[in-house]
Amino acid sequence: MEFTAIIKKGEKQFVALCPELDVVSQGRTVDKAIDNLREAVELYIEEMGVPKGTGSRKTIVASFEVDAHAKASPSVG
């Protein structure tokens, strides 16, 4: 079964997220973070089973920018 890993560099380690299961792990290298995430996902599946619909759709991972200086709309009411 194939899952997605989203990896971000933390202060001292890489943090890896599996968005399909909302499972997170970390490691000192990208490879170690993925290895640890794989183990965490296997443990999750062993305990919880595979949620219905998992793996039935391709996951799209995209990034986008937001204007940090954008003003929030005034609240109504």
C-alpha atoms as a PDB file:
ATOM      1  CA  MET A   1       0.000   0.000   0.000  1.00  0.00           C
ATOM      2  CA  GLU A   2       1.344   3.413  -0.931  1.00  0.00           C
ATOM      3  CA  PHE A   3       1.156   6.511   1.282  1.00  0.00           C
ATOM      4  CA  THR A   4       2.351  10.110   1.027  1.00  0.00           C
ATOM      5  CA  ALA A   5       5.148  11.624   3.119  1.00  0.00           C
ATOM      6  CA  ILE A   6       5.351  15.409   3.524  1.00  0.00           C
ATOM      7  CA  ILE A   7       8.699  16.390   5.019  1.00  0.00           C
ATOM      8  CA  LYS A   8       9.686  19.703   6.566  1.00  0.00           C
ATOM      9  CA  LYS A   9      12.992  20.739   8.077  1.00  0.00           C
ATOM     10  CA  GLY A  10      12.617  21.480  11.776  1.00  0.00           C
ATOM     11  CA  GLU A  11      15.167  23.183  14.001  1.00  0.00           C
ATOM     12  CA  LYS A  12      17.200  20.026  14.607  1.00  0.00           C
ATOM     13  CA  GLN A  13      15.389  17.251  12.747  1.00  0.00           C
ATOM     14  CA  PHE A  14      13.204  16.552   9.747  1.00  0.00           C
ATOM     15  CA  VAL A  15       9.492  16.099  10.471  1.00  0.00           C
ATOM     16  CA  ALA A  16       7.542  13.686   8.268  1.00  0.00           C
ATOM     17  CA  LEU A  17       3.737  13.623   7.991  1.00  0.00           C
ATOM     18  CA  CYS A  18       1.532  10.984   6.403  1.00  0.00           C
ATOM     19  CA  PRO A  19      -1.573  13.077   5.558  1.00  0.00           C
ATOM     20  CA  GLU A  20      -3.771  10.085   4.695  1.00  0.00           C
ATOM     21  CA  LEU A  21      -3.561   8.808   8.289  1.00  0.00           C
ATOM     22  CA  ASP A  22      -2.499  12.004  10.100  1.00  0.00           C
ATOM     23  CA  VAL A  23       0.583  10.202  11.450  1.00  0.00           C
ATOM     24  CA  VAL A  24       3.788  12.150  12.169  1.00  0.00           C
ATOM     25  CA  SER A  25       7.359  11.115  12.918  1.00  0.00           C
ATOM     26  CA  GLN A  26      10.832  12.641  12.734  1.00  0.00           C
ATOM     27  CA  GLY A  27      14.486  11.855  12.105  1.00  0.00           C
ATOM     28  CA  ARG A  28      17.904  13.514  11.845  1.00  0.00           C
ATOM     29  CA  THR A  29      17.943  12.947   8.068  1.00  0.00           C
ATOM     30  CA  VAL A  30      15.193  12.815   5.431  1.00  0.00           C
ATOM     31  CA  ASP A  31      15.762   9.078   4.990  1.00  0.00           C
ATOM     32  CA  LYS A  32      15.574   8.451   8.749  1.00  0.00           C
ATOM     33  CA  ALA A  33      12.398  10.561   9.013  1.00  0.00           C
ATOM     34  CA  ILE A  34      10.807   8.466   6.249  1.00  0.00           C
ATOM     35  CA  ASP A  35      11.967   5.212   7.870  1.00  0.00           C
ATOM     36  CA  ASN A  36      10.497   6.315  11.200  1.00  0.00           C
ATOM     37  CA  LEU A  37       7.273   7.419   9.499  1.00  0.00           C
ATOM     38  CA  ARG A  38       7.002   4.050   7.749  1.00  0.00           C
ATOM     39  CA  GLU A  39       7.340   2.309  11.119  1.00  0.00           C
ATOM     40  CA  ALA A  40       4.752   4.635  12.719  1.00  0.00           C
ATOM     41  CA  VAL A  41       2.305   4.006   9.860  1.00  0.00           C
ATOM     42  CA  GLU A  42       2.797   0.242  10.146  1.00  0.00           C
ATOM     43  CA  LEU A  43       2.073   0.441  13.891  1.00  0.00           C
ATOM     44  CA  TYR A  44      -0.981   2.609  13.233  1.00  0.00           C
ATOM     45  CA  ILE A  45      -2.353   0.118  10.710  1.00  0.00           C
ATOM     46  CA  GLU A  46      -1.598  -2.789  13.052  1.00  0.00           C
ATOM     47  CA  GLU A  47      -3.577  -1.118  15.868  1.00  0.00           C
ATOM     48  CA  MET A  48      -6.320   0.745  13.992  1.00  0.00           C
ATOM     49  CA  GLY A  49      -6.550  -0.998  10.633  1.00  0.00           C
ATOM     50  CA  VAL A  50      -6.607   0.792   7.295  1.00  0.00           C
ATOM     51  CA  PRO A  51      -9.347   3.454   7.188  1.00  0.00           C
ATOM     52  CA  LYS A  52     -11.944   3.014   4.431  1.00  0.00           C
ATOM     53  CA  GLY A  53     -11.088   4.940   1.297  1.00  0.00           C
ATOM     54  CA  THR A  54      -7.359   5.050   2.042  1.00  0.00           C
ATOM     55  CA  GLY A  55      -5.357   4.414  -1.080  1.00  0.00           C
ATOM     56  CA  SER A  56      -8.376   4.750  -3.354  1.00  0.00           C
ATOM     57  CA  ARG A  57      -7.419   8.272  -4.489  1.00  0.00           C
ATOM     58  CA  LYS A  58      -4.176   9.879  -5.496  1.00  0.00           C
ATOM     59  CA  THR A  59      -3.033  12.605  -3.115  1.00  0.00           C
ATOM     60  CA  ILE A  60      -2.100  15.989  -4.528  1.00  0.00           C
ATOM     61  CA  VAL A  61       0.501  17.914  -2.560  1.00  0.00           C
ATOM     62  CA  ALA A  62       0.861  21.559  -3.554  1.00  0.00           C
ATOM     63  CA  SER A  63       2.395  24.679  -2.093  1.00  0.00           C
ATOM     64  CA  PHE A  64       1.150  28.238  -2.405  1.00  0.00           C
ATOM     65  CA  GLU A  65       2.077  31.677  -1.159  1.00  0.00           C
ATOM     66  CA  VAL A  66       0.016  34.128   0.861  1.00  0.00           C
ATOM     67  CA  ASP A  67       0.678  37.857   1.108  1.00  0.00           C
ATOM     68  CA  ALA A  68       1.907  38.271   4.672  1.00  0.00           C
ATOM     69  CA  HIS A  69       0.799  41.918   4.630  1.00  0.00           C
ATOM     70  CA  ALA A  70      -2.794  41.241   3.565  1.00  0.00           C
ATOM     71  CA  LYS A  71      -5.365  42.827   5.857  1.00  0.00           C
ATOM     72  CA  ALA A  72      -8.103  40.723   7.330  1.00  0.00           C
ATOM     73  CA  SER A  73     -11.658  41.692   6.391  1.00  0.00           C
ATOM     74  CA  PRO A  74     -13.537  43.461   9.177  1.00  0.00           C
ATOM     75  CA  SER A  75     -15.913  41.120  10.945  1.00  0.00           C
ATOM     76  CA  VAL A  76     -19.592  41.583  10.268  1.00  0.00           C
ATOM     77  CA  GLY A  77     -22.034  41.780  13.107  1.00  0.00           C
END
